[in-house]
Amino acid sequence: MTKTVVDSMQRFVNTFNLKIEKPVQTHLRRVYGALSASMMAAAVGAFVHVATTYWKGTIWSLLLSIVLLLLINGTPHTRENEKLRFCYLIGFSFLSGLSTGPLLDFVISIKPSLVVSAFLASATVFVSFSMAALYAPDRKYLYLIGSLLGMLSTMCWLSLFNLFFGFSFLFQVNLYAGLAVMCGFLLYDTQLIMEKRRMGDTDYIRHCVDLFVDFIGILRRIMIVLAQKEVSLICVVI
């Protein structure tokens, strides 16, 4: 399933002979190729958590993934460092999937098929918004950054406030607003990657991280939404 999303995007990029310059097309293929490997590594990480007992997603796996992310950003993008940074990327993706394990446990306990439904829904959202960003006029979605950061800041304050009061309404607002923000960042990051390449930035590994984080953020929120709806349906039936 993980490869389906990227295969669709790669076929889509191949149709942009007149829309996107050749160097940008080549760069996008490298980004989505790395994204394919990242998703597979994340899927393995999630499987390790769910199907085994010797390695579980904890706060330590989350912290280690942050360390690898810092190493990706801190290691210069050179031909000599390319393989090392790619290994960092795969490790970061694996640990991100592993850290999603506790959420997967919760969703599977409600209805295992929700995981597949959430992935397919996330894939559809990812491909649709990526297409919108690629088809849109240059820089159109780059102007979203101010609004996205403002919403993100508001969500952080609401989350902090809700830690002390526990309002379910605020949780729902943060959940759906977070989903909208991640979709917005997907539009922004896709166009930003293209603009960076036009300015000479060929760091496809760092660009892959941006899209990977967007996809994981969308997937996690959709899983929670579907799980909530399933629980509500069960309560109504009972």
C-alpha atoms as a PDB file:
ATOM      1  CA  MET A   1       0.000   0.000   0.000  1.00  0.00           C
ATOM      2  CA  THR A   2       2.766   2.440   0.871  1.00  0.00           C
ATOM      3  CA  LYS A   3       4.222   2.236  -2.620  1.00  0.00           C
ATOM      4  CA  THR A   4       0.865   2.924  -4.277  1.00  0.00           C
ATOM      5  CA  VAL A   5       0.860   6.559  -3.170  1.00  0.00           C
ATOM      6  CA  VAL A   6       4.326   7.292  -4.487  1.00  0.00           C
ATOM      7  CA  ASP A   7       3.839   5.326  -7.721  1.00  0.00           C
ATOM      8  CA  SER A   8       0.764   7.433  -8.432  1.00  0.00           C
ATOM      9  CA  MET A   9       2.705  10.628  -7.773  1.00  0.00           C
ATOM     10  CA  GLN A  10       5.627   9.532  -9.948  1.00  0.00           C
ATOM     11  CA  ARG A  11       3.280   8.733 -12.853  1.00  0.00           C
ATOM     12  CA  PHE A  12       1.660  12.101 -12.284  1.00  0.00           C
ATOM     13  CA  VAL A  13       5.006  13.943 -12.360  1.00  0.00           C
ATOM     14  CA  ASN A  14       5.822  12.225 -15.656  1.00  0.00           C
ATOM     15  CA  THR A  15       2.854  14.033 -17.270  1.00  0.00           C
ATOM     16  CA  PHE A  16       4.276  17.488 -16.579  1.00  0.00           C
ATOM     17  CA  ASN A  17       6.543  17.758 -19.609  1.00  0.00           C
ATOM     18  CA  LEU A  18       5.063  21.136 -20.525  1.00  0.00           C
ATOM     19  CA  LYS A  19       4.168  22.342 -17.031  1.00  0.00           C
ATOM     20  CA  ILE A  20       7.350  21.740 -15.044  1.00  0.00           C
ATOM     21  CA  GLU A  21      10.948  22.215 -16.107  1.00  0.00           C
ATOM     22  CA  LYS A  22      13.050  19.091 -16.659  1.00  0.00           C
ATOM     23  CA  PRO A  23      15.425  19.686 -13.701  1.00  0.00           C
ATOM     24  CA  VAL A  24      12.446  20.125 -11.372  1.00  0.00           C
ATOM     25  CA  GLN A  25      10.789  16.982 -12.741  1.00  0.00           C
ATOM     26  CA  THR A  26      13.971  15.005 -12.126  1.00  0.00           C
ATOM     27  CA  HIS A  27      14.225  16.388  -8.615  1.00  0.00           C
ATOM     28  CA  LEU A  28      10.594  15.529  -7.834  1.00  0.00           C
ATOM     29  CA  ARG A  29      11.171  11.951  -8.988  1.00  0.00           C
ATOM     30  CA  ARG A  30      14.078  11.671  -6.548  1.00  0.00           C
ATOM     31  CA  VAL A  31      11.987  13.179  -3.741  1.00  0.00           C
ATOM     32  CA  TYR A  32       9.072  10.805  -4.305  1.00  0.00           C
ATOM     33  CA  GLY A  33      11.438   7.873  -4.725  1.00  0.00           C
ATOM     34  CA  ALA A  34      12.955   8.641  -1.320  1.00  0.00           C
ATOM     35  CA  LEU A  35       9.432   9.104   0.048  1.00  0.00           C
ATOM     36  CA  SER A  36       8.542   5.614  -1.166  1.00  0.00           C
ATOM     37  CA  ALA A  37      11.475   4.161   0.772  1.00  0.00           C
ATOM     38  CA  SER A  38      10.528   6.243   3.825  1.00  0.00           C
ATOM     39  CA  MET A  39       6.956   4.977   3.837  1.00  0.00           C
ATOM     40  CA  MET A  40       8.128   1.397   3.559  1.00  0.00           C
ATOM     41  CA  ALA A  41      10.501   1.922   6.494  1.00  0.00           C
ATOM     42  CA  ALA A  42       7.676   3.469   8.516  1.00  0.00           C
ATOM     43  CA  ALA A  43       5.420   0.526   7.665  1.00  0.00           C
ATOM     44  CA  VAL A  44       8.112  -1.859   8.905  1.00  0.00           C
ATOM     45  CA  GLY A  45       8.432   0.157  12.118  1.00  0.00           C
ATOM     46  CA  ALA A  46       4.680   0.038  12.700  1.00  0.00           C
ATOM     47  CA  PHE A  47       4.655  -3.716  11.984  1.00  0.00           C
ATOM     48  CA  VAL A  48       7.491  -4.311  14.463  1.00  0.00           C
ATOM     49  CA  HIS A  49       5.485  -2.581  17.198  1.00  0.00           C
ATOM     50  CA  VAL A  50       2.211  -4.366  16.448  1.00  0.00           C
ATOM     51  CA  ALA A  51       3.472  -7.850  15.599  1.00  0.00           C
ATOM     52  CA  THR A  52       6.420  -8.292  17.965  1.00  0.00           C
ATOM     53  CA  THR A  53       7.139  -7.899  21.658  1.00  0.00           C
ATOM     54  CA  TYR A  54      10.846  -7.098  21.658  1.00  0.00           C
ATOM     55  CA  TRP A  55      10.610  -3.523  20.356  1.00  0.00           C
ATOM     56  CA  LYS A  56       7.742  -1.147  21.099  1.00  0.00           C
ATOM     57  CA  GLY A  57       7.111   2.481  20.284  1.00  0.00           C
ATOM     58  CA  THR A  58       7.845   4.603  23.358  1.00  0.00           C
ATOM     59  CA  ILE A  59       8.978   8.112  24.202  1.00  0.00           C
ATOM     60  CA  TRP A  60      12.541   6.910  23.593  1.00  0.00           C
ATOM     61  CA  SER A  61      11.829   5.949  19.993  1.00  0.00           C
ATOM     62  CA  LEU A  62      10.261   9.372  19.508  1.00  0.00           C
ATOM     63  CA  LEU A  63      13.293  11.133  20.980  1.00  0.00           C
ATOM     64  CA  LEU A  64      15.669   9.049  18.889  1.00  0.00           C
ATOM     65  CA  SER A  65      13.720   9.926  15.749  1.00  0.00           C
ATOM     66  CA  ILE A  66      14.163  13.612  16.625  1.00  0.00           C
ATOM     67  CA  VAL A  67      17.920  13.028  16.990  1.00  0.00           C
ATOM     68  CA  LEU A  68      18.035  11.466  13.514  1.00  0.00           C
ATOM     69  CA  LEU A  69      16.022  14.366  12.129  1.00  0.00           C
ATOM     70  CA  LEU A  70      18.573  16.789  13.573  1.00  0.00           C
ATOM     71  CA  LEU A  71      21.371  14.721  12.018  1.00  0.00           C
ATOM     72  CA  ILE A  72      19.666  14.930   8.618  1.00  0.00           C
ATOM     73  CA  ASN A  73      19.425  18.692   8.914  1.00  0.00           C
ATOM     74  CA  GLY A  74      22.890  19.088  10.395  1.00  0.00           C
ATOM     75  CA  THR A  75      24.803  16.945   7.904  1.00  0.00           C
ATOM     76  CA  PRO A  76      25.765  18.873   4.734  1.00  0.00           C
ATOM     77  CA  HIS A  77      24.155  17.736   1.498  1.00  0.00           C
ATOM     78  CA  THR A  78      27.131  16.452  -0.474  1.00  0.00           C
ATOM     79  CA  ARG A  79      27.718  13.447  -2.702  1.00  0.00           C
ATOM     80  CA  GLU A  80      30.005  11.980  -0.015  1.00  0.00           C
ATOM     81  CA  ASN A  81      27.310  12.287   2.675  1.00  0.00           C
ATOM     82  CA  GLU A  82      24.381  11.182   0.522  1.00  0.00           C
ATOM     83  CA  LYS A  83      24.341   7.518   1.626  1.00  0.00           C
ATOM     84  CA  LEU A  84      24.801   8.450   5.288  1.00  0.00           C
ATOM     85  CA  ARG A  85      21.962  10.974   5.194  1.00  0.00           C
ATOM     86  CA  PHE A  86      19.760   8.449   3.391  1.00  0.00           C
ATOM     87  CA  CYS A  87      20.421   5.981   6.213  1.00  0.00           C
ATOM     88  CA  TYR A  88      19.434   8.692   8.688  1.00  0.00           C
ATOM     89  CA  LEU A  89      16.230   9.178   6.671  1.00  0.00           C
ATOM     90  CA  ILE A  90      15.364   5.477   6.765  1.00  0.00           C
ATOM     91  CA  GLY A  91      16.097   5.330  10.500  1.00  0.00           C
ATOM     92  CA  PHE A  92      13.955   8.403  11.133  1.00  0.00           C
ATOM     93  CA  SER A  93      11.096   6.910   9.103  1.00  0.00           C
ATOM     94  CA  PHE A  94      11.352   3.542  10.853  1.00  0.00           C
ATOM     95  CA  LEU A  95      11.236   5.158  14.292  1.00  0.00           C
ATOM     96  CA  SER A  96       8.342   7.391  13.226  1.00  0.00           C
ATOM     97  CA  GLY A  97       6.385   4.280  12.272  1.00  0.00           C
ATOM     98  CA  LEU A  98       7.412   2.622  15.522  1.00  0.00           C
ATOM     99  CA  SER A  99       6.252   5.669  17.510  1.00  0.00           C
ATOM    100  CA  THR A 100       2.859   5.461  15.796  1.00  0.00           C
ATOM    101  CA  GLY A 101       2.477   1.953  17.270  1.00  0.00           C
ATOM    102  CA  PRO A 102       0.497   2.941  20.406  1.00  0.00           C
ATOM    103  CA  LEU A 103      -2.070   4.743  18.235  1.00  0.00           C
ATOM    104  CA  LEU A 104      -2.245   1.690  15.974  1.00  0.00           C
ATOM    105  CA  ASP A 105      -2.865  -0.519  19.016  1.00  0.00           C
ATOM    106  CA  PHE A 106      -5.799   1.678  20.000  1.00  0.00           C
ATOM    107  CA  VAL A 107      -7.299   1.736  16.496  1.00  0.00           C
ATOM    108  CA  ILE A 108      -6.829  -2.017  15.999  1.00  0.00           C
ATOM    109  CA  SER A 109      -8.550  -2.703  19.329  1.00  0.00           C
ATOM    110  CA  ILE A 110     -11.623  -0.917  17.963  1.00  0.00           C
ATOM    111  CA  LYS A 111     -11.618  -2.293  14.415  1.00  0.00           C
ATOM    112  CA  PRO A 112      -8.500  -3.516  12.565  1.00  0.00           C
ATOM    113  CA  SER A 113      -9.818  -2.552   9.135  1.00  0.00           C
ATOM    114  CA  LEU A 114      -9.769   1.103  10.186  1.00  0.00           C
ATOM    115  CA  VAL A 115      -6.000   1.121   9.683  1.00  0.00           C
ATOM    116  CA  VAL A 116      -6.404   0.238   6.003  1.00  0.00           C
ATOM    117  CA  SER A 117      -9.257   2.717   5.597  1.00  0.00           C
ATOM    118  CA  ALA A 118      -7.198   5.476   7.215  1.00  0.00           C
ATOM    119  CA  PHE A 119      -4.208   4.751   4.996  1.00  0.00           C
ATOM    120  CA  LEU A 120      -6.288   4.790   1.811  1.00  0.00           C
ATOM    121  CA  ALA A 121      -8.007   8.008   2.867  1.00  0.00           C
ATOM    122  CA  SER A 122      -4.638   9.590   3.700  1.00  0.00           C
ATOM    123  CA  ALA A 123      -3.211   8.450   0.362  1.00  0.00           C
ATOM    124  CA  THR A 124      -6.159  10.015  -1.455  1.00  0.00           C
ATOM    125  CA  VAL A 125      -5.734  13.289   0.434  1.00  0.00           C
ATOM    126  CA  PHE A 126      -1.972  13.282  -0.163  1.00  0.00           C
ATOM    127  CA  VAL A 127      -2.222  12.681  -3.898  1.00  0.00           C
ATOM    128  CA  SER A 128      -5.097  15.159  -4.339  1.00  0.00           C
ATOM    129  CA  PHE A 129      -3.401  18.025  -2.509  1.00  0.00           C
ATOM    130  CA  SER A 130      -0.066  17.286  -4.175  1.00  0.00           C
ATOM    131  CA  MET A 131      -1.768  17.486  -7.571  1.00  0.00           C
ATOM    132  CA  ALA A 132      -3.374  20.780  -6.581  1.00  0.00           C
ATOM    133  CA  ALA A 133       0.035  22.181  -5.607  1.00  0.00           C
ATOM    134  CA  LEU A 134       1.714  20.953  -8.796  1.00  0.00           C
ATOM    135  CA  TYR A 135      -1.042  22.254 -11.077  1.00  0.00           C
ATOM    136  CA  ALA A 136      -1.392  25.613  -9.318  1.00  0.00           C
ATOM    137  CA  PRO A 137       0.376  28.750 -10.576  1.00  0.00           C
ATOM    138  CA  ASP A 138       3.896  29.200  -9.247  1.00  0.00           C
ATOM    139  CA  ARG A 139       4.153  30.405  -5.636  1.00  0.00           C
ATOM    140  CA  LYS A 140       0.373  30.515  -5.152  1.00  0.00           C
ATOM    141  CA  TYR A 141       0.420  28.376  -2.021  1.00  0.00           C
ATOM    142  CA  LEU A 142       3.659  29.782  -0.635  1.00  0.00           C
ATOM    143  CA  TYR A 143       1.633  32.668   0.766  1.00  0.00           C
ATOM    144  CA  LEU A 144      -0.205  30.247   3.067  1.00  0.00           C
ATOM    145  CA  ILE A 145       2.721  30.057   5.460  1.00  0.00           C
ATOM    146  CA  GLY A 146       1.637  33.009   7.597  1.00  0.00           C
ATOM    147  CA  SER A 147      -1.861  31.630   8.111  1.00  0.00           C
ATOM    148  CA  LEU A 148      -0.554  28.103   8.742  1.00  0.00           C
ATOM    149  CA  LEU A 149       1.915  29.246  11.378  1.00  0.00           C
ATOM    150  CA  GLY A 150      -0.773  31.358  13.029  1.00  0.00           C
ATOM    151  CA  MET A 151      -3.144  28.381  13.191  1.00  0.00           C
ATOM    152  CA  LEU A 152      -0.338  26.159  14.459  1.00  0.00           C
ATOM    153  CA  SER A 153       0.469  28.618  17.237  1.00  0.00           C
ATOM    154  CA  THR A 154      -3.202  28.828  18.231  1.00  0.00           C
ATOM    155  CA  MET A 155      -3.474  25.038  18.302  1.00  0.00           C
ATOM    156  CA  CYS A 156      -0.437  24.793  20.590  1.00  0.00           C
ATOM    157  CA  TRP A 157      -1.985  27.230  23.051  1.00  0.00           C
ATOM    158  CA  LEU A 158      -5.326  25.409  22.924  1.00  0.00           C
ATOM    159  CA  SER A 159      -3.586  22.075  23.542  1.00  0.00           C
ATOM    160  CA  LEU A 160      -1.731  23.533  26.513  1.00  0.00           C
ATOM    161  CA  PHE A 161      -4.948  24.997  27.906  1.00  0.00           C
ATOM    162  CA  ASN A 162      -6.782  21.716  27.373  1.00  0.00           C
ATOM    163  CA  LEU A 163      -4.159  19.782  29.357  1.00  0.00           C
ATOM    164  CA  PHE A 164      -5.558  21.402  32.495  1.00  0.00           C
ATOM    165  CA  PHE A 165      -9.269  21.438  31.676  1.00  0.00           C
ATOM    166  CA  GLY A 166      -9.811  18.466  29.353  1.00  0.00           C
ATOM    167  CA  PHE A 167     -12.637  19.855  27.216  1.00  0.00           C
ATOM    168  CA  SER A 168     -13.639  17.325  24.561  1.00  0.00           C
ATOM    169  CA  PHE A 169     -14.822  20.165  22.323  1.00  0.00           C
ATOM    170  CA  LEU A 170     -11.334  21.714  22.263  1.00  0.00           C
ATOM    171  CA  PHE A 171      -9.841  18.319  21.473  1.00  0.00           C
ATOM    172  CA  GLN A 172     -12.138  18.014  18.453  1.00  0.00           C
ATOM    173  CA  VAL A 173     -11.312  21.545  17.316  1.00  0.00           C
ATOM    174  CA  ASN A 174      -7.587  20.782  17.544  1.00  0.00           C
ATOM    175  CA  LEU A 175      -8.035  17.463  15.751  1.00  0.00           C
ATOM    176  CA  TYR A 176      -9.853  18.820  12.713  1.00  0.00           C
ATOM    177  CA  ALA A 177      -7.893  22.079  12.644  1.00  0.00           C
ATOM    178  CA  GLY A 178      -4.700  20.000  12.791  1.00  0.00           C
ATOM    179  CA  LEU A 179      -5.860  17.946   9.808  1.00  0.00           C
ATOM    180  CA  ALA A 180      -6.576  21.125   7.854  1.00  0.00           C
ATOM    181  CA  VAL A 181      -3.182  22.591   8.809  1.00  0.00           C
ATOM    182  CA  MET A 182      -1.327  19.445   7.693  1.00  0.00           C
ATOM    183  CA  CYS A 183      -3.125  19.568   4.341  1.00  0.00           C
ATOM    184  CA  GLY A 184      -2.136  23.219   4.062  1.00  0.00           C
ATOM    185  CA  PHE A 185       1.484  22.395   4.807  1.00  0.00           C
ATOM    186  CA  LEU A 186       1.362  19.713   2.113  1.00  0.00           C
ATOM    187  CA  LEU A 187       0.355  22.361  -0.436  1.00  0.00           C
ATOM    188  CA  TYR A 188       2.993  24.748   0.860  1.00  0.00           C
ATOM    189  CA  ASP A 189       5.833  22.211   1.078  1.00  0.00           C
ATOM    190  CA  THR A 190       5.185  20.809  -2.408  1.00  0.00           C
ATOM    191  CA  GLN A 191       5.440  24.225  -4.033  1.00  0.00           C
ATOM    192  CA  LEU A 192       8.356  25.210  -1.794  1.00  0.00           C
ATOM    193  CA  ILE A 193      10.305  22.134  -2.924  1.00  0.00           C
ATOM    194  CA  MET A 194       9.806  23.162  -6.551  1.00  0.00           C
ATOM    195  CA  GLU A 195      10.882  26.741  -5.883  1.00  0.00           C
ATOM    196  CA  LYS A 196      13.944  25.634  -3.920  1.00  0.00           C
ATOM    197  CA  ARG A 197      15.021  23.412  -6.804  1.00  0.00           C
ATOM    198  CA  ARG A 198      14.648  26.312  -9.217  1.00  0.00           C
ATOM    199  CA  MET A 199      17.004  28.257  -6.946  1.00  0.00           C
ATOM    200  CA  GLY A 200      19.571  25.446  -7.042  1.00  0.00           C
ATOM    201  CA  ASP A 201      18.684  23.424  -3.913  1.00  0.00           C
ATOM    202  CA  THR A 202      19.055  19.709  -4.767  1.00  0.00           C
ATOM    203  CA  ASP A 203      18.684  18.323  -1.221  1.00  0.00           C
ATOM    204  CA  TYR A 204      16.003  15.759  -2.067  1.00  0.00           C
ATOM    205  CA  ILE A 205      16.440  13.975   1.284  1.00  0.00           C
ATOM    206  CA  ARG A 206      15.504  17.055   3.294  1.00  0.00           C
ATOM    207  CA  HIS A 207      12.609  17.746   0.933  1.00  0.00           C
ATOM    208  CA  CYS A 208      11.440  14.162   1.351  1.00  0.00           C
ATOM    209  CA  VAL A 209      11.352  14.649   5.132  1.00  0.00           C
ATOM    210  CA  ASP A 210       8.950  17.576   4.720  1.00  0.00           C
ATOM    211  CA  LEU A 211       6.467  15.511   2.697  1.00  0.00           C
ATOM    212  CA  PHE A 212       6.885  12.464   4.933  1.00  0.00           C
ATOM    213  CA  VAL A 213       6.061  14.486   8.054  1.00  0.00           C
ATOM    214  CA  ASP A 214       3.005  15.913   6.280  1.00  0.00           C
ATOM    215  CA  PHE A 215       1.760  12.446   5.330  1.00  0.00           C
ATOM    216  CA  ILE A 216       2.292  10.979   8.797  1.00  0.00           C
ATOM    217  CA  GLY A 217       0.494  13.950  10.359  1.00  0.00           C
ATOM    218  CA  ILE A 218      -2.489  13.467   8.048  1.00  0.00           C
ATOM    219  CA  LEU A 219      -2.538   9.687   8.610  1.00  0.00           C
ATOM    220  CA  ARG A 220      -2.506   9.928  12.406  1.00  0.00           C
ATOM    221  CA  ARG A 221      -5.355  12.433  12.494  1.00  0.00           C
ATOM    222  CA  ILE A 222      -7.496  10.480  10.047  1.00  0.00           C
ATOM    223  CA  MET A 223      -6.992   7.325  12.137  1.00  0.00           C
ATOM    224  CA  ILE A 224      -8.233   9.166  15.221  1.00  0.00           C
ATOM    225  CA  VAL A 225     -11.236  10.585  13.341  1.00  0.00           C
ATOM    226  CA  LEU A 226     -12.254   7.168  11.990  1.00  0.00           C
ATOM    227  CA  ALA A 227     -11.745   5.527  15.388  1.00  0.00           C
ATOM    228  CA  GLN A 228     -13.961   8.133  17.047  1.00  0.00           C
ATOM    229  CA  LYS A 229     -16.709   7.627  14.483  1.00  0.00           C
ATOM    230  CA  GLU A 230     -16.538   3.846  14.925  1.00  0.00           C
ATOM    231  CA  VAL A 231     -16.785   4.155  18.720  1.00  0.00           C
ATOM    232  CA  SER A 232     -19.782   6.489  18.357  1.00  0.00           C
ATOM    233  CA  LEU A 233     -21.449   4.022  16.001  1.00  0.00           C
ATOM    234  CA  ILE A 234     -20.894   1.148  18.439  1.00  0.00           C
ATOM    235  CA  CYS A 235     -22.384   3.219  21.270  1.00  0.00           C
ATOM    236  CA  VAL A 236     -25.470   4.000  19.172  1.00  0.00           C
ATOM    237  CA  VAL A 237     -25.941   0.326  18.279  1.00  0.00           C
ATOM    238  CA  ILE A 238     -25.596  -0.716  21.917  1.00  0.00           C
END
